[in-house]
Every structure is written in C-alpha cells, then in structure tokens.
Protein backbone atom coordinates (compact mmCIF):
# COMPACT_ATOMS: atom_id res chain seq x y z
CA MET A 1 130.43 91.39 128.52
CA LYS A 2 128.65 91.44 130.66
CA LYS A 3 128.45 95.82 130.17
CA LYS A 4 127.65 94.97 126.00
CA TYR A 5 124.66 91.77 126.36
CA PHE A 6 122.90 94.79 129.23
CA LEU A 7 123.53 97.04 127.20
CA THR A 8 121.56 95.15 124.46
CA PHE A 9 119.31 93.66 126.35
CA LEU A 10 117.81 97.18 127.12
CA LEU A 11 117.99 98.45 123.40
CA VAL A 12 116.09 94.35 122.52
CA GLY A 13 113.23 95.41 124.94
CA PHE A 14 113.25 99.89 124.00
CA LEU A 15 112.07 98.64 120.48
CA MET A 16 110.57 95.94 121.26
CA ILE A 17 107.86 98.20 123.76
CA ALA A 18 108.71 101.28 121.44
CA ALA A 19 107.37 99.80 117.76
CA PRO A 20 104.36 98.75 117.97
CA ALA A 21 103.51 102.45 119.24
CA ILE A 22 105.60 103.57 116.03
CA ALA A 23 103.65 101.48 113.80
CA GLN A 24 100.20 102.39 115.55
CA GLU A 25 101.07 106.26 115.23
CA THR A 26 102.22 106.41 111.39
CA SER A 27 98.97 103.77 110.03
CA ARG A 28 96.17 106.39 112.07
CA ALA A 29 98.14 109.38 108.67
CA PRO A 30 95.10 110.27 106.77
CA GLN A 31 95.37 108.56 103.41
CA ARG A 32 95.27 111.12 99.98
CA THR A 33 93.86 109.68 96.68
CA GLU A 34 94.15 112.06 94.01
CA THR A 35 91.43 112.10 91.56
CA PRO A 36 93.21 111.04 87.88
CA ILE A 37 93.30 113.52 84.73
CA ASP A 38 91.46 111.30 82.19
CA GLY A 39 93.04 110.07 79.14
CA LEU A 40 96.20 112.07 80.31
CA SER A 41 98.84 111.63 77.67
CA ILE A 42 101.84 113.70 77.88
CA TYR A 43 104.78 113.35 74.46
CA PRO A 44 107.28 113.62 74.05
CA ASN A 45 108.69 112.81 76.28
CA PRO A 46 111.87 112.62 76.75
CA VAL A 47 111.56 116.83 76.05
CA THR A 48 113.93 117.25 72.83
CA GLY A 49 112.31 120.35 71.22
CA GLY A 50 111.03 122.60 73.62
CA LYS A 51 107.71 121.65 73.36
CA VAL A 52 105.87 118.99 74.69
CA TYR A 53 102.10 118.73 74.13
CA ILE A 54 99.86 118.01 76.90
CA SER A 55 95.86 116.29 76.51
CA SER A 56 92.85 114.77 77.99
CA THR A 57 89.72 113.96 77.31
CA LYS A 58 88.49 116.55 79.21
CA ASN A 59 91.41 118.92 77.71
CA GLN A 60 89.98 122.25 79.61
CA ASP A 61 92.38 124.60 81.01
CA LYS A 62 95.25 123.04 83.43
CA ILE A 63 97.21 124.36 85.94
CA ILE A 64 100.85 123.05 85.56
CA GLU A 65 103.76 123.36 88.18
CA ILE A 66 106.90 121.83 87.39
CA PHE A 67 109.68 120.75 90.33
CA ASN A 68 112.85 119.70 90.17
CA VAL A 69 114.40 116.99 91.48
CA LEU A 70 115.12 118.31 94.70
CA GLY A 71 111.84 119.37 95.01
CA LYS A 72 111.91 123.28 94.18
CA SER A 73 108.98 124.66 92.05
CA VAL A 74 110.35 125.60 88.94
CA TYR A 75 107.79 126.17 86.52
CA LYS A 76 104.35 126.89 87.00
CA THR A 77 101.95 128.30 84.01
CA ARG A 78 97.78 127.37 83.41
CA ILE A 79 97.67 126.37 79.44
CA ARG A 80 94.55 127.13 77.82
CA GLY A 81 94.91 124.34 74.65
CA ARG A 82 97.71 121.48 74.59
CA GLU A 83 101.07 122.98 73.56
CA MET A 84 103.84 123.85 76.77
CA ASP A 85 107.22 125.98 76.18
CA VAL A 86 109.44 124.10 78.11
CA SER A 87 112.87 125.77 76.13
CA THR A 88 113.69 127.96 79.20
CA LEU A 89 114.23 124.27 81.61
CA THR A 90 118.01 122.97 81.74
CA PRO A 91 118.55 119.87 80.44
CA GLY A 92 117.61 117.17 83.38
CA ILE A 93 114.57 114.99 84.83
CA TYR A 94 111.80 116.97 86.23
CA ILE A 95 108.19 116.32 87.71
CA LEU A 96 105.16 117.28 86.31
CA LYS A 97 101.87 118.40 88.56
CA ILE A 98 98.84 118.80 86.44
CA GLN A 99 95.78 120.01 88.03
CA GLU A 100 92.07 119.75 85.16
CA GLY A 101 89.51 120.92 87.61
CA LYS A 102 89.93 119.24 90.58
CA ALA A 103 91.52 115.78 88.72
CA LYS A 104 95.30 115.65 89.70
CA ALA A 105 97.87 114.12 88.15
CA THR A 106 101.92 113.80 89.19
CA ARG A 107 104.20 112.61 86.18
CA LYS A 108 108.02 112.35 85.22
CA LEU A 109 109.43 114.64 82.63
CA VAL A 110 112.68 114.21 80.88
CA VAL A 111 113.94 117.30 79.05
CA LYS A 112 116.30 116.69 76.35
C-alpha cells in the first residue's frame, strides 16, 4: 500500500513540475491568421447536382483544394468563374481550402 502512495506522490510531483513548462512551450507557438475572403458564398451546400458555385466580392481567380475527412487531398483546381464541377467526388463530407489572391478561407462541403 505504501508503494502505491509513493508512486502516486511521484506522479503528482512530476505533473506539477512538468505542466507549467509544457504550457509555456505551447503558448510560444506562432499564431496563424488568415486574411478572409470578402463576401465568400458557396452554394448549394449540400451539393446534389454535381456543380457548386463559389463567389466572392472581388470574383477573382480562385485556387481550390478539396480534402476528405482524413485530411487527404482529393481534388485541386483553379476556377476563373464561379462554377466548379464536383461530380467526380463520392458522397460525403469534405473540407474546401479556397485561395483568392492573398486571402484564404476554409469551409465544409457536403456532397450527396
């Protein structure tokens, strides 16, 4: 029984010493900020017809990368207008990463 108390005491002591050091290291991580895309609109969502429309205030060329829920890139394209064909994607939930000039955005896309 004394052995269990001793091990518990050592564990608690270690956590009290190590926790502030770990918290300090994570607080030094650089902050990543994205410049948002003004007036970004993605429709229809969920996608049923194989086409999705992505528009913004500036309507410049957009670089779009689509990831599955496991984080694997499944589609990458550049669109000049607003229309993007997603008919090759299987039904599911995806993450869109959109870049328009220096502005970036990340959105969820559901394909039915």
